Amino acid sequence: MPSADDVTRVADTCNVWVLRRGGDAVCVDFGSGRVLDLLGELGVERVTDVLVTHFHRDGVQGLRRAAEAGIRIWVPPVEQDFFTDTADLWARTRLENDYDMLQTRFAPLESVAVDGTVAEYRTRAYGGIDVFTLPTPGHTPGSVTYLAEVGGRTVAFTGDLLYGPGARRGARRLSGRHCGARATRPDRRRPRRRRCAVRAAGRGAGDGDVNRSCTQEQE
């Protein structure tokens, strides 16, 4: 399985994860696009692909810059319209609606051309790196987690599903009855050791510009 040589965190409007393989790199989320100003520091010659975890604007507002640089953009299949049909989305959005569970007010402000959607429950090569896409709805209805091999370890890139060192966001959505199925309440879950490192979105800017040593084993 083709794997990444290393992974680096770039603090932007969100945490942008840079998976490097040789001189090429794949980004998980993109923030404002600041990562493109740091390629030399990162030892990267070009970014080939951006994998988006969910549609919220803090993680994707720089996608137009990616498109202009010829970088391929891949988005979750459930949320494709948030990127390609943005004008119609905003025309139908009531900004004063406090009961909008889709949180459409956090959507991108303008459409951007995408190269396609990621294949859920499948492994596909992006920029020469094999990435498995796992649907993880909760923070948004169509958010996904990406798993890739980095230096002999399986690393999960969870977007905003996890916040900080393993804290789960939107825990209420994972408890009680959801989509007709009974879920275990978070406080009743048995602790279970994860076999992969978990990369969370964190607080973004302010955590440091480039961080190469922030992998944590989660219990």
Protein backbone atom coordinates (compact mmCIF):
# COMPACT_ATOMS: atom_id res chain seq x y z
CA MET A 1 0.00 0.00 0.00
CA PRO A 2 1.59 3.33 -1.05
CA SER A 3 2.02 5.41 2.10
CA ALA A 4 3.06 8.95 3.01
CA ASP A 5 6.62 9.69 4.06
CA ASP A 6 5.46 12.03 6.82
CA VAL A 7 2.61 14.31 7.88
CA THR A 8 2.77 17.93 9.01
CA ARG A 9 0.18 20.17 10.63
CA VAL A 10 -0.16 23.70 9.30
CA ALA A 11 -2.22 26.02 11.52
CA ASP A 12 -4.61 28.14 9.48
CA THR A 13 -8.32 28.92 9.87
CA CYS A 14 -8.37 25.20 10.61
CA ASN A 15 -5.62 22.64 10.99
CA VAL A 16 -4.44 21.62 7.53
CA TRP A 17 -2.72 18.23 7.38
CA VAL A 18 -0.02 17.82 4.73
CA LEU A 19 0.79 14.23 3.73
CA ARG A 20 4.08 14.25 1.85
CA ARG A 21 5.35 11.59 -0.52
CA GLY A 22 8.57 12.63 -2.16
CA GLY A 23 8.13 16.13 -3.52
CA ASP A 24 4.35 15.82 -3.81
CA ALA A 25 1.78 16.31 -1.08
CA VAL A 26 -1.91 15.76 -0.37
CA CYS A 27 -3.74 18.13 1.98
CA VAL A 28 -6.59 17.15 4.25
CA ASP A 29 -8.73 20.30 4.40
CA PHE A 30 -7.29 23.57 3.15
CA GLY A 31 -8.16 26.53 5.38
CA SER A 32 -7.42 29.83 3.66
CA GLY A 33 -4.79 28.23 1.43
CA ARG A 34 -1.88 29.48 3.54
CA VAL A 35 -0.18 26.11 3.10
CA LEU A 36 0.75 27.12 -0.45
CA ASP A 37 2.97 29.87 0.98
CA LEU A 38 4.89 27.33 3.07
CA LEU A 39 5.76 24.65 0.52
CA GLY A 40 9.49 25.34 0.66
CA GLU A 41 9.52 25.08 4.44
CA LEU A 42 7.57 21.83 4.22
CA GLY A 43 9.90 20.28 1.65
CA VAL A 44 7.04 20.06 -0.85
CA GLU A 45 7.30 20.92 -4.54
CA ARG A 46 3.58 20.77 -5.30
CA VAL A 47 0.24 19.87 -3.75
CA THR A 48 -1.61 17.44 -6.01
CA ASP A 49 -4.90 16.93 -4.16
CA VAL A 50 -7.08 18.34 -1.40
CA LEU A 51 -9.35 15.97 0.54
CA VAL A 52 -12.19 17.79 2.31
CA THR A 53 -13.61 16.34 5.52
CA HIS A 54 -16.79 18.49 5.67
CA PHE A 55 -18.29 21.63 4.19
CA HIS A 56 -17.76 24.20 6.94
CA ARG A 57 -16.17 27.38 5.68
CA ASP A 58 -13.22 27.51 8.08
CA GLY A 59 -11.76 24.45 6.39
CA VAL A 60 -12.51 25.25 2.75
CA GLN A 61 -12.55 29.01 2.21
CA GLY A 62 -9.27 28.84 0.27
CA LEU A 63 -10.38 26.20 -2.23
CA ARG A 64 -10.58 28.71 -5.06
CA ARG A 65 -6.86 29.28 -4.60
CA ALA A 66 -6.33 25.52 -4.82
CA ALA A 67 -8.37 25.33 -8.03
CA GLU A 68 -6.39 28.19 -9.57
CA ALA A 69 -3.17 26.33 -8.76
CA GLY A 70 -4.42 23.24 -10.59
CA ILE A 71 -4.85 21.19 -7.43
CA ARG A 72 -7.50 18.46 -7.58
CA ILE A 73 -10.33 18.93 -5.06
CA TRP A 74 -12.31 16.01 -3.61
CA VAL A 75 -15.34 16.43 -1.35
CA PRO A 76 -17.71 14.15 0.61
CA PRO A 77 -20.46 12.82 -1.69
CA VAL A 78 -23.31 13.80 0.65
CA GLU A 79 -22.09 17.41 0.72
CA GLN A 80 -21.11 18.03 -2.90
CA ASP A 81 -23.87 20.62 -3.46
CA PHE A 82 -22.42 22.82 -0.73
CA PHE A 83 -19.42 23.36 -3.03
CA THR A 84 -20.91 23.28 -6.52
CA ASP A 85 -24.34 24.91 -6.03
CA THR A 86 -23.55 27.52 -3.41
CA ALA A 87 -25.64 30.37 -4.86
CA ASP A 88 -28.84 28.31 -4.77
CA LEU A 89 -28.02 27.10 -1.27
CA TRP A 90 -27.68 30.63 0.09
CA ALA A 91 -30.83 31.75 -1.74
CA ARG A 92 -32.77 29.12 0.23
CA THR A 93 -31.05 29.72 3.58
CA ARG A 94 -32.84 31.65 6.35
CA LEU A 95 -30.07 33.23 8.36
CA GLU A 96 -32.36 33.89 11.32
CA ASN A 97 -33.30 30.21 11.62
CA ASP A 98 -31.80 29.00 14.93
CA TYR A 99 -33.13 25.49 14.34
CA ASP A 100 -31.10 24.77 11.20
CA MET A 101 -29.36 21.56 12.22
CA LEU A 102 -27.53 21.47 8.87
CA GLN A 103 -25.67 24.67 9.87
CA THR A 104 -25.86 25.93 6.31
CA ARG A 105 -24.82 29.40 7.48
CA PHE A 106 -21.31 27.97 7.81
CA ALA A 107 -21.22 26.87 4.17
CA PRO A 108 -18.80 28.30 1.57
CA LEU A 109 -19.75 31.73 0.24
CA GLU A 110 -19.06 30.90 -3.39
CA SER A 111 -19.03 27.83 -5.59
CA VAL A 112 -15.82 26.14 -6.61
CA ALA A 113 -15.23 23.47 -9.24
CA VAL A 114 -14.41 20.11 -7.70
CA ASP A 115 -12.82 17.14 -9.41
CA GLY A 116 -15.16 14.65 -7.81
CA THR A 117 -16.34 13.04 -4.62
CA VAL A 118 -14.39 10.66 -2.43
CA ALA A 119 -15.41 7.00 -2.52
CA GLU A 120 -16.87 6.06 0.86
CA TYR A 121 -15.79 2.71 2.33
CA ARG A 122 -13.14 2.47 -0.39
CA THR A 123 -9.40 2.94 -0.69
CA ARG A 124 -8.27 5.20 -3.51
CA ALA A 125 -4.89 6.67 -4.42
CA TYR A 126 -4.54 10.46 -4.22
CA GLY A 127 -1.17 11.89 -5.18
CA GLY A 128 0.34 8.42 -4.98
CA ILE A 129 -0.94 7.85 -1.41
CA ASP A 130 -3.63 5.26 -0.64
CA VAL A 131 -6.42 6.79 1.44
CA PHE A 132 -9.45 5.01 2.89
CA THR A 133 -12.62 7.11 3.29
CA LEU A 134 -14.88 6.34 6.26
CA PRO A 135 -18.24 8.16 6.60
CA THR A 136 -18.43 9.73 10.08
CA PRO A 137 -21.60 11.87 10.16
CA GLY A 138 -22.18 13.83 13.32
CA HIS A 139 -20.44 17.18 13.13
CA THR A 140 -22.10 17.59 9.73
CA PRO A 141 -24.46 15.15 7.98
CA GLY A 142 -21.89 14.08 5.40
CA SER A 143 -18.55 14.52 7.13
CA VAL A 144 -15.92 11.85 6.53
CA THR A 145 -12.70 10.61 8.11
CA TYR A 146 -9.63 9.74 6.05
CA LEU A 147 -7.21 6.96 7.01
CA ALA A 148 -3.71 6.68 5.56
CA GLU A 149 -0.43 4.94 6.34
CA VAL A 150 2.26 7.31 7.56
CA GLY A 151 5.61 5.92 8.60
CA GLY A 152 4.20 2.48 9.33
CA ARG A 153 1.23 3.75 11.34
CA THR A 154 -2.42 4.17 10.39
CA VAL A 155 -3.45 7.78 10.93
CA ALA A 156 -7.07 8.99 11.00
CA PHE A 157 -7.86 12.54 9.89
CA THR A 158 -11.18 13.33 11.54
CA GLY A 159 -11.84 16.97 10.68
CA ASP A 160 -14.01 18.51 13.41
CA LEU A 161 -15.43 15.21 14.62
CA LEU A 162 -12.79 15.27 17.36
CA TYR A 163 -11.64 18.49 18.97
CA GLY A 164 -8.33 18.82 20.76
CA PRO A 165 -6.87 15.73 22.48
CA GLY A 166 -9.67 13.29 21.80
CA ALA A 167 -12.68 15.38 22.87
CA ARG A 168 -15.76 14.62 20.80
CA ARG A 169 -17.78 17.52 19.38
CA GLY A 170 -21.54 17.38 19.13
CA ALA A 171 -21.79 14.44 21.53
CA ARG A 172 -25.55 14.80 21.82
CA ARG A 173 -25.88 13.80 18.20
CA LEU A 174 -24.21 10.50 18.99
CA SER A 175 -26.55 9.61 21.88
CA GLY A 176 -30.16 8.51 22.12
CA ARG A 177 -32.07 7.62 18.99
CA HIS A 178 -30.47 8.74 15.74
CA CYS A 179 -31.72 7.84 12.28
CA GLY A 180 -33.93 5.13 13.77
CA ALA A 181 -31.12 3.30 15.57
CA ARG A 182 -30.33 3.19 19.25
CA ALA A 183 -26.86 4.51 20.07
CA THR A 184 -24.89 4.19 23.28
CA ARG A 185 -24.69 7.36 25.31
CA PRO A 186 -21.12 8.76 25.32
CA ASP A 187 -20.76 8.50 29.11
CA ARG A 188 -21.65 4.80 28.95
CA ARG A 189 -19.19 3.80 26.28
CA ARG A 190 -16.43 1.47 27.35
CA PRO A 191 -12.97 2.92 26.82
CA ARG A 192 -11.39 1.17 23.89
CA ARG A 193 -7.82 1.50 22.71
CA ARG A 194 -7.54 2.86 19.22
CA ARG A 195 -5.00 1.25 16.94
CA CYS A 196 -4.31 4.38 15.00
CA ALA A 197 -3.15 7.89 15.65
CA VAL A 198 -5.93 10.45 15.49
CA ARG A 199 -5.58 13.88 13.96
CA ALA A 200 -8.21 16.37 15.08
CA ALA A 201 -9.04 19.79 13.74
CA GLY A 202 -8.10 21.53 16.97
CA ARG A 203 -8.20 25.28 17.33
CA GLY A 204 -6.36 26.15 14.13
CA ALA A 205 -4.40 29.40 14.04
CA GLY A 206 -2.60 30.12 17.27
CA ASP A 207 -1.51 26.54 17.94
CA GLY A 208 1.73 27.13 16.07
CA ASP A 209 2.52 27.45 12.41
CA VAL A 210 3.98 24.09 11.48
CA ASN A 211 3.94 21.11 13.82
CA ARG A 212 5.48 17.76 12.95
CA SER A 213 5.03 16.01 16.30
CA CYS A 214 1.40 16.18 17.36
CA THR A 215 0.26 12.57 16.90
CA GLN A 216 -1.38 11.15 20.05
CA GLU A 217 -2.51 7.69 20.98
CA GLN A 218 -6.11 7.88 22.14
CA GLU A 219 -7.75 5.73 24.79
